[in-house]
C-alpha atoms as a PDB file:
ATOM      1  CA  MET A   1      -0.305 -40.145  52.859  1.00  0.00           C
ATOM      2  CA  TRP A   2      -0.976 -36.511  53.441  1.00  0.00           C
ATOM      3  CA  ILE A   3       2.843 -35.831  52.737  1.00  0.00           C
ATOM      4  CA  LYS A   4       2.260 -37.443  49.445  1.00  0.00           C
ATOM      5  CA  ASN A   5      -0.869 -35.576  48.311  1.00  0.00           C
ATOM      6  CA  ILE A   6       1.094 -32.266  49.316  1.00  0.00           C
ATOM      7  CA  PHE A   7       3.816 -33.336  46.869  1.00  0.00           C
ATOM      8  CA  ILE A   8       1.578 -33.882  44.106  1.00  0.00           C
ATOM      9  CA  TYR A   9      -0.302 -30.603  44.460  1.00  0.00           C
ATOM     10  CA  TYR A  10       3.131 -28.870  44.758  1.00  0.00           C
ATOM     11  CA  CYS A  11       4.060 -30.569  41.436  1.00  0.00           C
ATOM     12  CA  ILE A  12       0.873 -29.433  39.859  1.00  0.00           C
ATOM     13  CA  LEU A  13       1.144 -25.960  40.862  1.00  0.00           C
ATOM     14  CA  TYR A  14       4.717 -25.655  40.258  1.00  0.00           C
ATOM     15  CA  PHE A  15       4.829 -27.257  36.639  1.00  0.00           C
ATOM     16  CA  LEU A  16       1.340 -27.108  35.082  1.00  0.00           C
ATOM     17  CA  PHE A  17       0.122 -23.768  36.484  1.00  0.00           C
ATOM     18  CA  PRO A  18       2.770 -21.808  34.623  1.00  0.00           C
ATOM     19  CA  LEU A  19       1.920 -23.838  31.441  1.00  0.00           C
ATOM     20  CA  PHE A  20      -1.776 -22.865  31.694  1.00  0.00           C
ATOM     21  CA  ILE A  21      -0.958 -19.231  32.135  1.00  0.00           C
ATOM     22  CA  VAL A  22       1.275 -18.994  29.063  1.00  0.00           C
ATOM     23  CA  PHE A  23      -1.418 -21.042  27.010  1.00  0.00           C
ATOM     24  CA  ARG A  24      -4.049 -18.701  28.338  1.00  0.00           C
ATOM     25  CA  PHE A  25      -2.436 -15.585  27.217  1.00  0.00           C
ATOM     26  CA  SER A  26      -1.184 -16.997  24.062  1.00  0.00           C
ATOM     27  CA  SER A  27      -4.832 -17.717  23.113  1.00  0.00           C
ATOM     28  CA  LEU A  28      -5.847 -14.285  23.973  1.00  0.00           C
ATOM     29  CA  GLU A  29      -3.182 -12.641  21.976  1.00  0.00           C
ATOM     30  CA  THR A  30      -4.011 -14.812  19.059  1.00  0.00           C
ATOM     31  CA  ASN A  31      -7.585 -14.001  19.058  1.00  0.00           C
ATOM     32  CA  SER A  32      -6.986 -10.164  19.477  1.00  0.00           C
ATOM     33  CA  SER A  33      -4.071  -9.990  17.175  1.00  0.00           C
ATOM     34  CA  ARG A  34      -4.755 -12.251  14.331  1.00  0.00           C
ATOM     35  CA  LEU A  35      -3.276 -11.178  10.956  1.00  0.00           C
ATOM     36  CA  VAL A  36      -6.058 -11.356   8.334  1.00  0.00           C
ATOM     37  CA  GLU A  37      -5.731 -12.413   4.766  1.00  0.00           C
ATOM     38  CA  PHE A  38      -4.594 -10.003   2.131  1.00  0.00           C
ATOM     39  CA  GLU A  39      -8.037  -9.836   0.358  1.00  0.00           C
ATOM     40  CA  THR A  40      -9.683  -9.132   3.670  1.00  0.00           C
ATOM     41  CA  LEU A  41      -7.238  -6.069   4.512  1.00  0.00           C
ATOM     42  CA  LEU A  42      -8.125  -4.550   1.330  1.00  0.00           C
ATOM     43  CA  SER A  43     -12.120  -4.873   1.893  1.00  0.00           C
ATOM     44  CA  PRO A  44     -14.417  -3.403   1.081  1.00  0.00           C
ATOM     45  CA  ARG A  45     -13.400  -3.566  -2.626  1.00  0.00           C
ATOM     46  CA  LYS A  46     -15.759  -2.014  -5.154  1.00  0.00           C
ATOM     47  CA  PRO A  47     -15.457  -1.852  -8.868  1.00  0.00           C
ATOM     48  CA  LYS A  48     -13.788   1.329  -9.837  1.00  0.00           C
ATOM     49  CA  GLY A  49     -14.640   1.263 -13.680  1.00  0.00           C
ATOM     50  CA  GLY A  50     -10.980   1.370 -14.870  1.00  0.00           C
ATOM     51  CA  LYS A  51     -10.971  -0.726 -18.036  1.00  0.00           C
ATOM     52  CA  TRP A  52      -7.580   0.335 -19.283  1.00  0.00           C
ATOM     53  CA  ILE A  53      -4.909  -2.350 -20.187  1.00  0.00           C
ATOM     54  CA  GLY A  54      -1.203  -1.828 -19.653  1.00  0.00           C
ATOM     55  CA  GLN A  55       0.673  -3.635 -22.583  1.00  0.00           C
ATOM     56  CA  LYS A  56       3.872  -2.087 -23.090  1.00  0.00           C
ATOM     57  CA  LEU A  57       6.528  -4.252 -21.985  1.00  0.00           C
ATOM     58  CA  VAL A  58       9.447  -3.120 -19.485  1.00  0.00           C
ATOM     59  CA  LYS A  59      12.970  -4.184 -18.885  1.00  0.00           C
ATOM     60  CA  LYS A  60      13.800  -5.701 -15.576  1.00  0.00           C
ATOM     61  CA  SER A  61      16.349  -2.833 -15.078  1.00  0.00           C
ATOM     62  CA  LEU A  62      13.464  -0.441 -14.963  1.00  0.00           C
ATOM     63  CA  PRO A  63      14.436   2.373 -12.553  1.00  0.00           C
ATOM     64  CA  ILE A  64      11.497   2.633  -9.871  1.00  0.00           C
ATOM     65  CA  LEU A  65      10.951   5.511  -7.575  1.00  0.00           C
ATOM     66  CA  ILE A  66       8.825   5.001  -4.762  1.00  0.00           C
ATOM     67  CA  LEU A  67       7.091   8.259  -3.151  1.00  0.00           C
ATOM     68  CA  ALA A  68       5.017   8.484   0.165  1.00  0.00           C
ATOM     69  CA  GLY A  69       1.866  10.342  -0.653  1.00  0.00           C
ATOM     70  CA  HIS A  70       1.360  13.892   1.185  1.00  0.00           C
ATOM     71  CA  ALA A  71       5.123  13.754   2.384  1.00  0.00           C
ATOM     72  CA  ASP A  72       5.362  17.376   1.355  1.00  0.00           C
ATOM     73  CA  SER A  73       1.859  18.640   2.271  1.00  0.00           C
ATOM     74  CA  GLN A  74       1.324  18.469   5.964  1.00  0.00           C
ATOM     75  CA  GLY A  75      -0.256  21.626   7.608  1.00  0.00           C
ATOM     76  CA  ASN A  76      -2.839  21.988   4.934  1.00  0.00           C
ATOM     77  CA  LEU A  77      -5.854  20.463   3.321  1.00  0.00           C
ATOM     78  CA  GLY A  78      -3.938  18.098   1.448  1.00  0.00           C
ATOM     79  CA  ALA A  79      -2.189  16.314   4.416  1.00  0.00           C
ATOM     80  CA  GLY A  80      -4.077  13.218   3.904  1.00  0.00           C
ATOM     81  CA  THR A  81      -6.670  11.223   5.803  1.00  0.00           C
ATOM     82  CA  LEU A  82      -6.439  11.042   9.514  1.00  0.00           C
ATOM     83  CA  GLY A  83      -8.035   7.590   9.350  1.00  0.00           C
ATOM     84  CA  GLU A  84     -11.018   6.277  10.990  1.00  0.00           C
ATOM     85  CA  SER A  85      -9.380   5.600  14.427  1.00  0.00           C
ATOM     86  CA  VAL A  86      -8.515   9.248  14.695  1.00  0.00           C
ATOM     87  CA  ALA A  87     -11.240  11.111  12.976  1.00  0.00           C
ATOM     88  CA  VAL A  88     -14.332   9.045  14.110  1.00  0.00           C
ATOM     89  CA  ASN A  89     -12.955   6.997  17.197  1.00  0.00           C
ATOM     90  CA  ASN A  90     -10.920   9.749  18.765  1.00  0.00           C
ATOM     91  CA  ALA A  91      -7.896   7.706  18.903  1.00  0.00           C
ATOM     92  CA  LYS A  92      -4.300   9.321  19.346  1.00  0.00           C
ATOM     93  CA  PRO A  93      -2.471  10.083  16.104  1.00  0.00           C
ATOM     94  CA  MET A  94       0.347   7.806  15.339  1.00  0.00           C
ATOM     95  CA  ASP A  95       2.561  10.817  15.228  1.00  0.00           C
ATOM     96  CA  SER A  96       1.413  14.375  16.191  1.00  0.00           C
ATOM     97  CA  GLN A  97       3.594  16.011  13.545  1.00  0.00           C
ATOM     98  CA  MET A  98       1.636  14.297  10.688  1.00  0.00           C
ATOM     99  CA  SER A  99      -1.539  12.608   9.503  1.00  0.00           C
ATOM    100  CA  ASP A 100      -2.010   8.951  10.093  1.00  0.00           C
ATOM    101  CA  GLU A 101      -1.865   8.480   6.417  1.00  0.00           C
ATOM    102  CA  LEU A 102       1.470  10.002   5.882  1.00  0.00           C
ATOM    103  CA  PHE A 103       2.747   7.890   8.844  1.00  0.00           C
ATOM    104  CA  TRP A 104       1.848   4.692   7.213  1.00  0.00           C
ATOM    105  CA  ASN A 105       2.642   5.896   3.688  1.00  0.00           C
ATOM    106  CA  LEU A 106       6.217   6.612   4.932  1.00  0.00           C
ATOM    107  CA  LYS A 107       6.649   3.168   6.827  1.00  0.00           C
ATOM    108  CA  LEU A 108       5.129   1.042   3.688  1.00  0.00           C
ATOM    109  CA  SER A 109       7.131   3.096   0.961  1.00  0.00           C
ATOM    110  CA  LYS A 110      10.435   2.363   2.967  1.00  0.00           C
ATOM    111  CA  LEU A 111       9.772  -1.223   3.322  1.00  0.00           C
ATOM    112  CA  ILE A 112       8.774  -1.761  -0.373  1.00  0.00           C
ATOM    113  CA  VAL A 113      12.165  -0.408  -1.446  1.00  0.00           C
ATOM    114  CA  GLN A 114      13.984  -2.558   1.212  1.00  0.00           C
ATOM    115  CA  ILE A 115      12.273  -5.735  -0.012  1.00  0.00           C
ATOM    116  CA  GLY A 116      12.372  -4.596  -3.722  1.00  0.00           C
ATOM    117  CA  LYS A 117      16.161  -4.279  -3.383  1.00  0.00           C
ATOM    118  CA  ARG A 118      16.487  -7.619  -1.919  1.00  0.00           C
ATOM    119  CA  ARG A 119      14.526  -8.965  -4.737  1.00  0.00           C
ATOM    120  CA  GLY A 120      16.767  -7.429  -7.167  1.00  0.00           C
ATOM    121  CA  LEU A 121      14.949  -4.477  -8.411  1.00  0.00           C
ATOM    122  CA  ASN A 122      16.169  -1.251  -9.288  1.00  0.00           C
ATOM    123  CA  ILE A 123      14.465   0.811  -6.803  1.00  0.00           C
ATOM    124  CA  SER A 124      14.838   3.728  -4.502  1.00  0.00           C
ATOM    125  CA  PHE A 125      12.831   6.193  -2.281  1.00  0.00           C
ATOM    126  CA  TYR A 126      12.473   9.800  -2.203  1.00  0.00           C
ATOM    127  CA  ASP A 127      11.681  11.803   0.828  1.00  0.00           C
ATOM    128  CA  PRO A 128      11.364  15.606   0.680  1.00  0.00           C
ATOM    129  CA  PRO A 129      13.442  17.508   3.109  1.00  0.00           C
ATOM    130  CA  VAL A 130      10.441  19.265   4.755  1.00  0.00           C
ATOM    131  CA  ARG A 131       7.059  18.158   5.340  1.00  0.00           C
ATOM    132  CA  TYR A 132       5.177  21.262   3.895  1.00  0.00           C
ATOM    133  CA  ILE A 133       6.077  22.873   0.517  1.00  0.00           C
ATOM    134  CA  LYS A 134       3.517  25.524  -0.456  1.00  0.00           C
ATOM    135  CA  ASP A 135       4.715  25.726  -4.158  1.00  0.00           C
ATOM    136  CA  PRO A 136       3.612  22.232  -6.017  1.00  0.00           C
ATOM    137  CA  ASN A 137       6.374  23.041  -8.589  1.00  0.00           C
ATOM    138  CA  ASN A 138       9.148  23.481  -6.098  1.00  0.00           C
ATOM    139  CA  LEU A 139      12.046  21.526  -7.095  1.00  0.00           C
ATOM    140  CA  ASN A 140      11.944  19.332  -3.676  1.00  0.00           C
ATOM    141  CA  THR A 141       8.170  18.131  -4.006  1.00  0.00           C
ATOM    142  CA  ASN A 142       6.985  14.571  -4.774  1.00  0.00           C
ATOM    143  CA  TRP A 143       5.525  15.917  -8.097  1.00  0.00           C
ATOM    144  CA  THR A 144       8.679  17.565  -9.408  1.00  0.00           C
ATOM    145  CA  VAL A 145      10.991  14.691  -8.467  1.00  0.00           C
ATOM    146  CA  GLY A 146       8.485  11.970  -9.679  1.00  0.00           C
ATOM    147  CA  SER A 147       7.865  13.926 -12.986  1.00  0.00           C
ATOM    148  CA  LYS A 148      11.607  14.240 -13.705  1.00  0.00           C
ATOM    149  CA  HIS A 149      12.142  10.535 -12.991  1.00  0.00           C
ATOM    150  CA  SER A 150       9.376   9.578 -15.244  1.00  0.00           C
ATOM    151  CA  LEU A 151      10.400  11.767 -18.123  1.00  0.00           C
ATOM    152  CA  LYS A 152      13.813   9.977 -17.897  1.00  0.00           C
ATOM    153  CA  GLY A 153      12.100   6.748 -18.576  1.00  0.00           C
ATOM    154  CA  GLY A 154      11.604   5.771 -14.886  1.00  0.00           C
ATOM    155  CA  TYR A 155       8.602   4.397 -13.124  1.00  0.00           C
ATOM    156  CA  ALA A 156       7.317   6.724 -10.314  1.00  0.00           C
ATOM    157  CA  LEU A 157       4.787   5.201  -7.934  1.00  0.00           C
ATOM    158  CA  GLU A 158       3.224   7.367  -5.141  1.00  0.00           C
ATOM    159  CA  ILE A 159       1.899   5.251  -2.012  1.00  0.00           C
ATOM    160  CA  HIS A 160      -1.350   6.330  -0.523  1.00  0.00           C
ATOM    161  CA  PHE A 161      -3.926   5.002   1.914  1.00  0.00           C
ATOM    162  CA  ASP A 162      -7.561   5.892   1.059  1.00  0.00           C
ATOM    163  CA  SER A 163      -9.916   7.969   3.217  1.00  0.00           C
ATOM    164  CA  TYR A 164     -12.490   6.170   5.430  1.00  0.00           C
ATOM    165  CA  GLY A 165     -16.144   5.509   4.943  1.00  0.00           C
ATOM    166  CA  LYS A 166     -17.884   7.534   2.279  1.00  0.00           C
ATOM    167  CA  TYR A 167     -14.963   9.556   1.777  1.00  0.00           C
ATOM    168  CA  GLY A 168     -12.925   6.887   0.052  1.00  0.00           C
ATOM    169  CA  ALA A 169     -13.141   4.650  -2.783  1.00  0.00           C
ATOM    170  CA  GLY A 170     -10.718   1.727  -1.610  1.00  0.00           C
ATOM    171  CA  SER A 171      -7.597   0.212  -3.159  1.00  0.00           C
ATOM    172  CA  GLY A 172      -6.593   0.572  -6.696  1.00  0.00           C
ATOM    173  CA  LEU A 173      -4.119   1.972  -9.067  1.00  0.00           C
ATOM    174  CA  ILE A 174      -4.726   5.434 -10.353  1.00  0.00           C
ATOM    175  CA  PRO A 175      -2.909   5.395 -13.899  1.00  0.00           C
ATOM    176  CA  PRO A 176      -0.891   8.305 -15.249  1.00  0.00           C
ATOM    177  CA  VAL A 177      -2.451  10.498 -18.114  1.00  0.00           C
ATOM    178  CA  SER A 178      -0.632   8.467 -20.775  1.00  0.00           C
ATOM    179  CA  LYS A 179      -1.295   6.185 -23.744  1.00  0.00           C
ATOM    180  CA  ASN A 180       1.781   4.136 -22.705  1.00  0.00           C
ATOM    181  CA  LEU A 181       0.643   2.216 -19.738  1.00  0.00           C
ATOM    182  CA  ASN A 182       2.917  -0.817 -19.300  1.00  0.00           C
ATOM    183  CA  THR A 183       2.686  -4.238 -17.986  1.00  0.00           C
ATOM    184  CA  VAL A 184       3.719  -3.119 -14.321  1.00  0.00           C
ATOM    185  CA  ASP A 185       0.579  -1.149 -14.229  1.00  0.00           C
ATOM    186  CA  GLU A 186      -1.311  -3.861 -15.396  1.00  0.00           C
ATOM    187  CA  SER A 187      -0.043  -6.286 -12.915  1.00  0.00           C
ATOM    188  CA  ILE A 188      -0.554  -3.780  -9.900  1.00  0.00           C
ATOM    189  CA  GLY A 189      -3.862  -2.999 -11.413  1.00  0.00           C
ATOM    190  CA  LYS A 190      -4.691  -6.834 -11.308  1.00  0.00           C
ATOM    191  CA  THR A 191      -3.706  -7.048  -7.647  1.00  0.00           C
ATOM    192  CA  PHE A 192      -5.041  -3.952  -6.102  1.00  0.00           C
ATOM    193  CA  GLY A 193      -7.729  -2.869  -8.781  1.00  0.00           C
ATOM    194  CA  LYS A 194      -8.230   0.021 -11.145  1.00  0.00           C
ATOM    195  CA  PHE A 195      -9.237   3.303 -11.075  1.00  0.00           C
ATOM    196  CA  PRO A 196     -10.553   5.017 -14.293  1.00  0.00           C
ATOM    197  CA  PHE A 197      -8.388   6.666 -16.732  1.00  0.00           C
ATOM    198  CA  LEU A 198      -8.535  10.395 -15.964  1.00  0.00           C
ATOM    199  CA  PHE A 199      -9.806   9.811 -12.397  1.00  0.00           C
ATOM    200  CA  ARG A 200     -11.225  12.988 -11.432  1.00  0.00           C
ATOM    201  CA  GLY A 201     -10.482  14.626 -14.469  1.00  0.00           C
ATOM    202  CA  GLY A 202      -6.680  13.714 -14.080  1.00  0.00           C
ATOM    203  CA  LEU A 203      -5.017  14.398 -10.685  1.00  0.00           C
ATOM    204  CA  GLY A 204      -1.809  16.445 -10.299  1.00  0.00           C
ATOM    205  CA  ALA A 205       0.281  13.578  -9.859  1.00  0.00           C
ATOM    206  CA  SER A 206      -1.189  11.677 -12.742  1.00  0.00           C
ATOM    207  CA  ARG A 207      -0.630  14.481 -15.017  1.00  0.00           C
ATOM    208  CA  ARG A 208       2.947  14.527 -14.250  1.00  0.00           C
ATOM    209  CA  GLN A 209       3.218  10.733 -15.126  1.00  0.00           C
ATOM    210  CA  ILE A 210       3.335   9.564 -11.483  1.00  0.00           C
ATOM    211  CA  ARG A 211       1.388   6.481 -10.652  1.00  0.00           C
ATOM    212  CA  ILE A 212      -0.809   6.498  -7.608  1.00  0.00           C
ATOM    213  CA  LEU A 213      -1.440   3.426  -5.504  1.00  0.00           C
ATOM    214  CA  GLU A 214      -4.370   3.504  -3.034  1.00  0.00           C
ATOM    215  CA  VAL A 215      -3.411   0.547  -0.885  1.00  0.00           C
ATOM    216  CA  GLY A 216      -6.694   0.476   0.948  1.00  0.00           C
ATOM    217  CA  LYS A 217      -9.185   2.451   3.021  1.00  0.00           C
ATOM    218  CA  LEU A 218      -7.589   3.546   6.360  1.00  0.00           C
ATOM    219  CA  GLU A 219     -10.362   1.907   8.356  1.00  0.00           C
ATOM    220  CA  GLY A 220     -11.632  -1.464   9.575  1.00  0.00           C
ATOM    221  CA  TYR A 221      -9.495  -4.512   9.608  1.00  0.00           C
ATOM    222  CA  LEU A 222      -6.614  -2.762   7.766  1.00  0.00           C
ATOM    223  CA  GLU A 223      -6.260   0.041  10.141  1.00  0.00           C
ATOM    224  CA  LYS A 224      -6.774  -2.214  13.245  1.00  0.00           C
ATOM    225  CA  ASN A 225      -4.123  -4.509  11.965  1.00  0.00           C
ATOM    226  CA  LEU A 226      -1.754  -1.735  11.313  1.00  0.00           C
ATOM    227  CA  ARG A 227      -2.248   0.011  14.663  1.00  0.00           C
ATOM    228  CA  ASP A 228      -2.042  -3.302  16.716  1.00  0.00           C
ATOM    229  CA  SER A 229       1.671  -3.388  18.020  1.00  0.00           C
ATOM    230  CA  ASN A 230       1.537  -7.296  17.850  1.00  0.00           C
ATOM    231  CA  ILE A 231       0.948  -7.458  14.190  1.00  0.00           C
ATOM    232  CA  SER A 232       1.719  -4.030  12.675  1.00  0.00           C
ATOM    233  CA  GLN A 233       5.099  -5.227  11.114  1.00  0.00           C
ATOM    234  CA  LYS A 234       3.561  -8.317   9.821  1.00  0.00           C
ATOM    235  CA  THR A 235       0.725  -6.317   8.298  1.00  0.00           C
ATOM    236  CA  LEU A 236       3.196  -3.981   6.634  1.00  0.00           C
ATOM    237  CA  ASN A 237       5.261  -6.914   5.394  1.00  0.00           C
ATOM    238  CA  LEU A 238       2.258  -8.513   3.792  1.00  0.00           C
ATOM    239  CA  LEU A 239       1.220  -5.314   1.876  1.00  0.00           C
ATOM    240  CA  ALA A 240       4.864  -4.515   0.822  1.00  0.00           C
ATOM    241  CA  ASN A 241       5.537  -7.961  -0.452  1.00  0.00           C
ATOM    242  CA  ASN A 242       2.297  -8.092  -2.619  1.00  0.00           C
ATOM    243  CA  ILE A 243       3.529  -4.684  -4.103  1.00  0.00           C
ATOM    244  CA  VAL A 244       6.910  -5.941  -5.019  1.00  0.00           C
ATOM    245  CA  LYS A 245       5.594  -9.182  -6.393  1.00  0.00           C
ATOM    246  CA  SER A 246       3.175  -7.245  -8.464  1.00  0.00           C
ATOM    247  CA  ILE A 247       6.060  -5.237  -9.794  1.00  0.00           C
ATOM    248  CA  ILE A 248       8.067  -8.320 -10.417  1.00  0.00           C
ATOM    249  CA  PHE A 249       5.394 -10.227 -12.065  1.00  0.00           C
ATOM    250  CA  GLY A 250       4.859  -7.155 -14.471  1.00  0.00           C
ATOM    251  CA  MET A 251       8.360  -7.294 -15.577  1.00  0.00           C
ATOM    252  CA  ASN A 252       7.989 -10.806 -16.935  1.00  0.00           C
ATOM    253  CA  GLU A 253       7.874 -10.676 -20.563  1.00  0.00           C
ATOM    254  CA  LYS A 254       6.126 -14.125 -20.846  1.00  0.00           C
ATOM    255  CA  ALA A 255       3.241 -13.054 -18.617  1.00  0.00           C
ATOM    256  CA  VAL A 256       0.033 -12.675 -20.665  1.00  0.00           C
ATOM    257  CA  PHE A 257      -2.158  -9.995 -19.013  1.00  0.00           C
ATOM    258  CA  ASN A 258      -4.898  -9.564 -21.646  1.00  0.00           C
ATOM    259  CA  PRO A 259      -5.280 -10.901 -25.227  1.00  0.00           C
ATOM    260  CA  LEU A 260      -4.434  -8.637 -28.100  1.00  0.00           C
ATOM    261  CA  PRO A 261      -7.561  -7.413 -30.051  1.00  0.00           C
ATOM    262  CA  ASP A 262      -8.357  -9.265 -33.339  1.00  0.00           C
ATOM    263  CA  ARG A 263      -6.519  -7.826 -36.318  1.00  0.00           C
ATOM    264  CA  GLY A 264      -9.896  -6.868 -37.919  1.00  0.00           C
ATOM    265  CA  ASN A 265     -10.998  -4.890 -34.847  1.00  0.00           C
ATOM    266  CA  ILE A 266      -9.334  -1.537 -35.579  1.00  0.00           C
ATOM    267  CA  PHE A 267     -11.759   0.349 -33.418  1.00  0.00           C
ATOM    268  CA  LEU A 268     -10.668  -1.094 -30.150  1.00  0.00           C
ATOM    269  CA  PRO A 269      -8.654   1.617 -28.438  1.00  0.00           C
ATOM    270  CA  ALA A 270      -5.397   0.726 -26.277  1.00  0.00           C
ATOM    271  CA  ILE A 271      -6.822   2.611 -23.226  1.00  0.00           C
ATOM    272  CA  TYR A 272     -10.359   2.356 -22.104  1.00  0.00           C
ATOM    273  CA  LEU A 273     -12.085   5.084 -20.126  1.00  0.00           C
END
């Protein structure tokens, strides 16, 4: 009998115990590395006051240029936010050569282009040859390259993560200083939110016809998920896919974003402040 009992105990230890270990650690990983929903990643979301409407239709062949915010301004006050983890919680930077914002701007920008090309978009990415360019009008800056692209009829979109805490406003599209906002602007604005026209009096990029997308504040769930090696790539994929989907939806001529004003209302402007 005792031999039979030993055999049973041996089977339990040999077969069931490893399964228990796997299940236990899988549960711990799931609880600590859970990918939250898209809307939760962008929280907290507050109204920005942007009431502009993008109505100009665009062709599906629209040339799109993606830029990583602060890619040419490292080493000065315009380097981008350090993020809550580094600035408040004393975590190590993702890369000692750049701000955490630029680190994520670069990764997300490249992924947007990769996914966009697979979805058939005419999309590309520009990365400055050096990380610090003192003259904002230098031929190699984001501003110069993005401005030239827009003047040729293209769509330039600069990717940013907003600052943490009271220093940031959250997700949203900052439109260019233009009366010709289009349906791609409208679609991205519907997904991420809208900053006011002439935000802060008109930013340098905005005045050069470059759109600025603040993906979200680099804090809380968003930063935690980005920094978690188990779900970092999934988080980037979620963000990039939503940006690409918004662009594609904005190219759909049948998509109706806002009703046109009544014919008798001749005082309703095309863009709201």
